[in-house]
Amino acid sequence: MDFDVYRAFYPDDWRVSQQKAVEEVCADADTKVWVAIDSGSTVGFVAVKLHSESSMGEIYMIAVDPDYQRRGIGTALTQFALDWMKVAGMSVAMVETGGDPGHAPARRTYEKLGFGLLPIARYFKKL
């Protein structure tokens, strides 16, 4: 990993950048957001954007509280999003995730639900 590129993307602690990204996604008028609740607490959410011109629905962001992971919540949120996209007239669904070990559970969830990996390489270089 090129740490100079990483710092360019996340100049502060990555948690600061992530919190800002979640707040922006949830406030975006073009994004639909659903939450998973357990005992009155939010334990996960999924944010979906529709790209009508290409009939593609995008799971733009999905997260499950670490204390609630491995209970099927991510799978349920993803399936809910897929069903909603289909009803909305989309013919393709897309989700993007990290290739690092920390995102392995997310990749397994997507593959379990029938997503296939499109071999795309995205390169970065710090200038």
N, C-alpha and C. Protein backbone atom coordinates (compact mmCIF):
# COMPACT_ATOMS: atom_id res chain seq x y z
N MET A 1 0.85 -1.18 0.00
CA MET A 1 0.00 0.00 0.00
C MET A 1 0.89 1.23 0.00
N ASP A 2 0.51 2.23 -0.78
CA ASP A 2 1.22 3.50 -0.83
C ASP A 2 0.64 4.42 0.24
N PHE A 3 1.38 4.60 1.34
CA PHE A 3 0.86 5.37 2.46
C PHE A 3 0.69 6.85 2.15
N ASP A 4 1.46 7.37 1.17
CA ASP A 4 1.27 8.77 0.77
C ASP A 4 -0.09 8.96 0.10
N VAL A 5 -0.49 8.00 -0.73
CA VAL A 5 -1.81 8.06 -1.36
C VAL A 5 -2.89 7.90 -0.30
N TYR A 6 -2.69 6.95 0.62
CA TYR A 6 -3.66 6.74 1.69
C TYR A 6 -3.87 8.02 2.49
N ARG A 7 -2.77 8.69 2.85
CA ARG A 7 -2.89 9.95 3.61
C ARG A 7 -3.55 11.05 2.80
N ALA A 8 -3.40 11.01 1.48
CA ALA A 8 -4.08 12.00 0.63
C ALA A 8 -5.59 11.80 0.68
N PHE A 9 -6.03 10.55 0.75
CA PHE A 9 -7.46 10.25 0.85
C PHE A 9 -7.98 10.49 2.26
N TYR A 10 -7.18 10.17 3.24
CA TYR A 10 -7.59 10.25 4.65
C TYR A 10 -6.56 11.08 5.44
N PRO A 11 -6.60 12.40 5.26
CA PRO A 11 -5.60 13.25 5.94
C PRO A 11 -5.72 13.22 7.46
N ASP A 12 -6.93 13.01 7.96
CA ASP A 12 -7.15 12.85 9.40
C ASP A 12 -7.27 11.35 9.66
N ASP A 13 -7.54 11.00 10.85
CA ASP A 13 -7.84 9.61 11.18
C ASP A 13 -8.97 9.15 10.23
N TRP A 14 -8.89 7.93 9.70
CA TRP A 14 -9.90 7.46 8.75
C TRP A 14 -11.30 7.52 9.33
N ARG A 15 -11.41 7.43 10.66
CA ARG A 15 -12.73 7.48 11.30
C ARG A 15 -13.40 8.83 11.08
N VAL A 16 -12.61 9.89 11.05
CA VAL A 16 -13.14 11.23 10.80
C VAL A 16 -13.71 11.29 9.38
N SER A 17 -12.94 10.80 8.43
CA SER A 17 -13.39 10.78 7.03
C SER A 17 -14.63 9.91 6.87
N GLN A 18 -14.65 8.76 7.54
CA GLN A 18 -15.78 7.85 7.44
C GLN A 18 -17.04 8.47 8.03
N GLN A 19 -16.92 9.12 9.18
CA GLN A 19 -18.09 9.74 9.80
C GLN A 19 -18.66 10.82 8.87
N LYS A 20 -17.79 11.61 8.28
CA LYS A 20 -18.24 12.66 7.37
C LYS A 20 -18.94 12.03 6.15
N ALA A 21 -18.37 10.95 5.63
CA ALA A 21 -18.97 10.28 4.47
C ALA A 21 -20.35 9.73 4.80
N VAL A 22 -20.51 9.13 5.98
CA VAL A 22 -21.81 8.59 6.39
C VAL A 22 -22.82 9.71 6.52
N GLU A 23 -22.43 10.80 7.15
CA GLU A 23 -23.34 11.94 7.32
C GLU A 23 -23.77 12.49 5.96
N GLU A 24 -22.84 12.62 5.02
CA GLU A 24 -23.17 13.15 3.70
C GLU A 24 -24.10 12.22 2.93
N VAL A 25 -23.84 10.91 2.99
CA VAL A 25 -24.68 9.94 2.29
C VAL A 25 -26.10 9.97 2.85
N CYS A 26 -26.21 10.01 4.15
CA CYS A 26 -27.55 9.98 4.78
C CYS A 26 -28.33 11.26 4.51
N ALA A 27 -27.65 12.35 4.23
CA ALA A 27 -28.32 13.62 3.96
C ALA A 27 -28.58 13.86 2.47
N ASP A 28 -28.01 13.03 1.60
CA ASP A 28 -28.12 13.20 0.16
C ASP A 28 -29.54 12.87 -0.30
N ALA A 29 -30.18 13.81 -0.96
CA ALA A 29 -31.56 13.62 -1.41
C ALA A 29 -31.68 12.52 -2.47
N ASP A 30 -30.59 12.20 -3.17
CA ASP A 30 -30.62 11.18 -4.21
C ASP A 30 -30.32 9.77 -3.68
N THR A 31 -30.22 9.64 -2.38
CA THR A 31 -29.87 8.36 -1.77
C THR A 31 -31.00 7.90 -0.86
N LYS A 32 -31.37 6.63 -0.97
CA LYS A 32 -32.34 6.02 -0.06
C LYS A 32 -31.54 5.29 1.01
N VAL A 33 -31.93 5.45 2.26
CA VAL A 33 -31.23 4.81 3.38
C VAL A 33 -32.24 4.05 4.24
N TRP A 34 -31.89 2.81 4.58
CA TRP A 34 -32.68 2.01 5.50
C TRP A 34 -31.78 1.56 6.63
N VAL A 35 -32.34 1.43 7.81
CA VAL A 35 -31.55 1.03 8.98
C VAL A 35 -32.08 -0.28 9.56
N ALA A 36 -31.17 -0.99 10.19
CA ALA A 36 -31.52 -2.19 10.97
C ALA A 36 -31.49 -1.79 12.42
N ILE A 37 -32.56 -2.13 13.14
CA ILE A 37 -32.69 -1.73 14.55
C ILE A 37 -32.86 -2.96 15.42
N ASP A 38 -32.16 -2.97 16.55
CA ASP A 38 -32.30 -4.03 17.54
C ASP A 38 -32.46 -3.39 18.90
N SER A 39 -33.54 -3.68 19.57
CA SER A 39 -33.82 -3.13 20.92
C SER A 39 -33.71 -1.61 20.95
N GLY A 40 -34.20 -0.98 19.90
CA GLY A 40 -34.23 0.48 19.85
C GLY A 40 -32.94 1.14 19.41
N SER A 41 -31.90 0.36 19.13
CA SER A 41 -30.62 0.92 18.68
C SER A 41 -30.36 0.57 17.23
N THR A 42 -29.81 1.52 16.49
CA THR A 42 -29.41 1.26 15.11
C THR A 42 -28.17 0.38 15.13
N VAL A 43 -28.25 -0.76 14.43
CA VAL A 43 -27.13 -1.69 14.39
C VAL A 43 -26.53 -1.83 13.00
N GLY A 44 -27.15 -1.19 12.01
CA GLY A 44 -26.63 -1.23 10.65
C GLY A 44 -27.48 -0.38 9.74
N PHE A 45 -26.94 -0.14 8.55
CA PHE A 45 -27.72 0.61 7.55
C PHE A 45 -27.20 0.27 6.16
N VAL A 46 -28.05 0.55 5.18
CA VAL A 46 -27.68 0.42 3.78
C VAL A 46 -28.17 1.67 3.06
N ALA A 47 -27.32 2.20 2.19
CA ALA A 47 -27.64 3.38 1.39
C ALA A 47 -27.58 2.98 -0.09
N VAL A 48 -28.62 3.32 -0.85
CA VAL A 48 -28.74 2.91 -2.24
C VAL A 48 -28.94 4.13 -3.13
N LYS A 49 -28.24 4.12 -4.25
CA LYS A 49 -28.42 5.13 -5.29
C LYS A 49 -28.87 4.42 -6.56
N LEU A 50 -29.79 5.03 -7.26
CA LEU A 50 -30.24 4.49 -8.54
C LEU A 50 -29.65 5.31 -9.67
N HIS A 51 -29.16 4.60 -10.69
CA HIS A 51 -28.62 5.23 -11.89
C HIS A 51 -29.56 4.83 -13.03
N SER A 52 -30.65 5.57 -13.16
CA SER A 52 -31.71 5.20 -14.09
C SER A 52 -31.24 5.12 -15.53
N GLU A 53 -30.30 6.00 -15.93
CA GLU A 53 -29.84 6.01 -17.32
C GLU A 53 -29.19 4.68 -17.71
N SER A 54 -28.60 3.97 -16.74
CA SER A 54 -27.97 2.68 -17.03
C SER A 54 -28.73 1.52 -16.38
N SER A 55 -29.89 1.79 -15.79
CA SER A 55 -30.71 0.79 -15.10
C SER A 55 -29.90 0.03 -14.05
N MET A 56 -29.03 0.77 -13.37
CA MET A 56 -28.18 0.14 -12.37
C MET A 56 -28.45 0.72 -10.98
N GLY A 57 -28.65 -0.17 -10.03
CA GLY A 57 -28.76 0.23 -8.64
C GLY A 57 -27.43 0.01 -7.97
N GLU A 58 -27.04 0.93 -7.12
CA GLU A 58 -25.75 0.85 -6.45
C GLU A 58 -25.93 0.84 -4.94
N ILE A 59 -25.40 -0.20 -4.31
CA ILE A 59 -25.30 -0.17 -2.85
C ILE A 59 -24.12 0.74 -2.56
N TYR A 60 -24.44 1.96 -2.24
CA TYR A 60 -23.43 3.00 -2.12
C TYR A 60 -22.66 2.89 -0.81
N MET A 61 -23.34 2.49 0.22
CA MET A 61 -22.69 2.32 1.51
C MET A 61 -23.51 1.35 2.34
N ILE A 62 -22.83 0.48 3.05
CA ILE A 62 -23.49 -0.47 3.95
C ILE A 62 -22.56 -0.70 5.13
N ALA A 63 -23.14 -0.78 6.30
CA ALA A 63 -22.33 -1.00 7.50
C ALA A 63 -23.16 -1.69 8.56
N VAL A 64 -22.48 -2.52 9.35
CA VAL A 64 -23.09 -3.17 10.50
C VAL A 64 -22.17 -2.95 11.69
N ASP A 65 -22.76 -2.57 12.80
CA ASP A 65 -22.00 -2.38 14.04
C ASP A 65 -21.18 -3.65 14.31
N PRO A 66 -19.89 -3.49 14.62
CA PRO A 66 -19.05 -4.68 14.86
C PRO A 66 -19.61 -5.63 15.91
N ASP A 67 -20.31 -5.12 16.92
CA ASP A 67 -20.89 -5.98 17.94
C ASP A 67 -22.05 -6.83 17.41
N TYR A 68 -22.56 -6.50 16.22
CA TYR A 68 -23.70 -7.21 15.65
C TYR A 68 -23.35 -7.95 14.36
N GLN A 69 -22.08 -7.96 14.00
CA GLN A 69 -21.68 -8.64 12.78
C GLN A 69 -21.75 -10.15 12.95
N ARG A 70 -21.82 -10.84 11.79
CA ARG A 70 -21.89 -12.30 11.73
C ARG A 70 -23.22 -12.84 12.25
N ARG A 71 -24.27 -12.00 12.15
CA ARG A 71 -25.62 -12.42 12.56
C ARG A 71 -26.60 -12.36 11.39
N GLY A 72 -26.10 -12.09 10.19
CA GLY A 72 -26.96 -12.03 9.01
C GLY A 72 -27.55 -10.66 8.73
N ILE A 73 -27.18 -9.66 9.50
CA ILE A 73 -27.74 -8.31 9.30
C ILE A 73 -27.28 -7.72 7.97
N GLY A 74 -26.00 -7.85 7.66
CA GLY A 74 -25.48 -7.34 6.39
C GLY A 74 -26.14 -8.02 5.20
N THR A 75 -26.32 -9.33 5.32
CA THR A 75 -26.99 -10.08 4.26
C THR A 75 -28.43 -9.62 4.09
N ALA A 76 -29.14 -9.44 5.21
CA ALA A 76 -30.53 -9.00 5.14
C ALA A 76 -30.64 -7.60 4.54
N LEU A 77 -29.74 -6.70 4.95
CA LEU A 77 -29.76 -5.34 4.40
C LEU A 77 -29.47 -5.36 2.90
N THR A 78 -28.50 -6.17 2.50
CA THR A 78 -28.15 -6.26 1.08
C THR A 78 -29.30 -6.84 0.28
N GLN A 79 -29.92 -7.89 0.76
CA GLN A 79 -31.05 -8.50 0.05
C GLN A 79 -32.22 -7.53 -0.04
N PHE A 80 -32.48 -6.79 1.04
CA PHE A 80 -33.54 -5.78 1.01
C PHE A 80 -33.25 -4.75 -0.08
N ALA A 81 -32.01 -4.29 -0.15
CA ALA A 81 -31.63 -3.30 -1.16
C ALA A 81 -31.80 -3.86 -2.56
N LEU A 82 -31.40 -5.11 -2.77
CA LEU A 82 -31.54 -5.74 -4.08
C LEU A 82 -33.01 -5.85 -4.49
N ASP A 83 -33.85 -6.27 -3.56
CA ASP A 83 -35.29 -6.38 -3.85
C ASP A 83 -35.87 -5.02 -4.20
N TRP A 84 -35.48 -3.99 -3.46
CA TRP A 84 -35.99 -2.65 -3.72
C TRP A 84 -35.53 -2.14 -5.08
N MET A 85 -34.27 -2.40 -5.43
CA MET A 85 -33.75 -1.98 -6.74
C MET A 85 -34.55 -2.63 -7.87
N LYS A 86 -34.82 -3.92 -7.72
CA LYS A 86 -35.56 -4.63 -8.75
C LYS A 86 -36.95 -4.04 -8.93
N VAL A 87 -37.65 -3.77 -7.83
CA VAL A 87 -38.98 -3.15 -7.89
C VAL A 87 -38.89 -1.77 -8.54
N ALA A 88 -37.78 -1.08 -8.32
CA ALA A 88 -37.59 0.26 -8.89
C ALA A 88 -37.22 0.22 -10.37
N GLY A 89 -37.10 -0.99 -10.93
CA GLY A 89 -36.87 -1.11 -12.37
C GLY A 89 -35.41 -1.25 -12.78
N MET A 90 -34.53 -1.46 -11.84
CA MET A 90 -33.13 -1.63 -12.17
C MET A 90 -32.88 -3.06 -12.66
N SER A 91 -31.92 -3.21 -13.59
CA SER A 91 -31.63 -4.55 -14.12
C SER A 91 -30.26 -5.06 -13.67
N VAL A 92 -29.46 -4.19 -13.09
CA VAL A 92 -28.12 -4.56 -12.61
C VAL A 92 -27.92 -3.92 -11.24
N ALA A 93 -27.25 -4.65 -10.37
CA ALA A 93 -26.88 -4.10 -9.05
C ALA A 93 -25.37 -4.10 -8.93
N MET A 94 -24.84 -3.10 -8.27
CA MET A 94 -23.40 -2.96 -8.11
C MET A 94 -23.09 -2.58 -6.67
N VAL A 95 -22.00 -3.11 -6.15
CA VAL A 95 -21.47 -2.72 -4.85
C VAL A 95 -19.95 -2.73 -4.96
N GLU A 96 -19.32 -1.81 -4.30
CA GLU A 96 -17.86 -1.71 -4.32
C GLU A 96 -17.36 -1.86 -2.89
N THR A 97 -16.26 -2.59 -2.72
CA THR A 97 -15.71 -2.76 -1.38
C THR A 97 -14.20 -2.87 -1.46
N GLY A 98 -13.58 -2.88 -0.31
CA GLY A 98 -12.12 -2.98 -0.25
C GLY A 98 -11.63 -4.40 -0.50
N GLY A 99 -10.40 -4.49 -0.96
CA GLY A 99 -9.77 -5.78 -1.20
C GLY A 99 -8.91 -6.25 -0.04
N ASP A 100 -8.92 -5.49 1.04
CA ASP A 100 -8.10 -5.80 2.21
C ASP A 100 -8.76 -6.87 3.07
N PRO A 101 -8.00 -7.47 4.00
CA PRO A 101 -8.57 -8.51 4.86
C PRO A 101 -9.77 -8.04 5.69
N GLY A 102 -9.81 -6.78 6.08
CA GLY A 102 -10.92 -6.27 6.88
C GLY A 102 -12.24 -6.27 6.15
N HIS A 103 -12.20 -6.27 4.81
CA HIS A 103 -13.43 -6.29 4.02
C HIS A 103 -13.79 -7.69 3.51
N ALA A 104 -13.04 -8.70 3.93
CA ALA A 104 -13.32 -10.08 3.48
C ALA A 104 -14.74 -10.52 3.83
N PRO A 105 -15.27 -10.22 5.04
CA PRO A 105 -16.65 -10.61 5.32
C PRO A 105 -17.65 -9.96 4.37
N ALA A 106 -17.43 -8.72 4.00
CA ALA A 106 -18.33 -8.05 3.06
C ALA A 106 -18.26 -8.74 1.70
N ARG A 107 -17.06 -9.06 1.24
CA ARG A 107 -16.93 -9.73 -0.05
C ARG A 107 -17.65 -11.08 -0.03
N ARG A 108 -17.52 -11.82 1.07
CA ARG A 108 -18.22 -13.11 1.18
C ARG A 108 -19.74 -12.92 1.10
N THR A 109 -20.24 -11.89 1.76
CA THR A 109 -21.68 -11.61 1.72
C THR A 109 -22.13 -11.34 0.30
N TYR A 110 -21.42 -10.50 -0.42
CA TYR A 110 -21.82 -10.16 -1.79
C TYR A 110 -21.75 -11.38 -2.69
N GLU A 111 -20.69 -12.17 -2.55
CA GLU A 111 -20.56 -13.37 -3.38
C GLU A 111 -21.67 -14.38 -3.05
N LYS A 112 -22.00 -14.51 -1.76
CA LYS A 112 -23.07 -15.43 -1.34
C LYS A 112 -24.40 -15.03 -1.98
N LEU A 113 -24.61 -13.73 -2.18
CA LEU A 113 -25.87 -13.24 -2.75
C LEU A 113 -25.82 -13.17 -4.29
N GLY A 114 -24.74 -13.68 -4.89
CA GLY A 114 -24.69 -13.80 -6.34
C GLY A 114 -23.94 -12.71 -7.08
N PHE A 115 -23.32 -11.78 -6.38
CA PHE A 115 -22.52 -10.77 -7.06
C PHE A 115 -21.28 -11.44 -7.64
N GLY A 116 -20.88 -10.98 -8.81
CA GLY A 116 -19.65 -11.45 -9.43
C GLY A 116 -18.65 -10.31 -9.51
N LEU A 117 -17.39 -10.64 -9.38
CA LEU A 117 -16.32 -9.64 -9.42
C LEU A 117 -15.98 -9.30 -10.85
N LEU A 118 -16.05 -8.04 -11.20
CA LEU A 118 -15.65 -7.55 -12.51
C LEU A 118 -14.19 -7.13 -12.40
N PRO A 119 -13.32 -7.73 -13.18
CA PRO A 119 -11.89 -7.44 -13.01
C PRO A 119 -11.51 -6.04 -13.51
N ILE A 120 -11.57 -5.11 -12.59
CA ILE A 120 -11.22 -3.72 -12.88
C ILE A 120 -10.03 -3.36 -12.01
N ALA A 121 -9.05 -2.74 -12.59
CA ALA A 121 -7.89 -2.29 -11.82
C ALA A 121 -7.95 -0.76 -11.71
N ARG A 122 -7.83 -0.26 -10.51
CA ARG A 122 -7.83 1.20 -10.28
C ARG A 122 -6.49 1.53 -9.64
N TYR A 123 -5.69 2.30 -10.32
CA TYR A 123 -4.35 2.63 -9.84
C TYR A 123 -4.31 4.07 -9.33
N PHE A 124 -3.49 4.31 -8.33
CA PHE A 124 -3.31 5.64 -7.75
C PHE A 124 -1.83 5.93 -7.62
N LYS A 125 -1.49 7.21 -7.71
CA LYS A 125 -0.12 7.66 -7.52
C LYS A 125 -0.15 9.02 -6.89
N LYS A 126 0.60 9.21 -5.82
CA LYS A 126 0.70 10.52 -5.16
C LYS A 126 1.58 11.43 -6.00
N LEU A 127 1.08 12.60 -6.28
CA LEU A 127 1.85 13.58 -7.08
C LEU A 127 2.51 14.60 -6.19
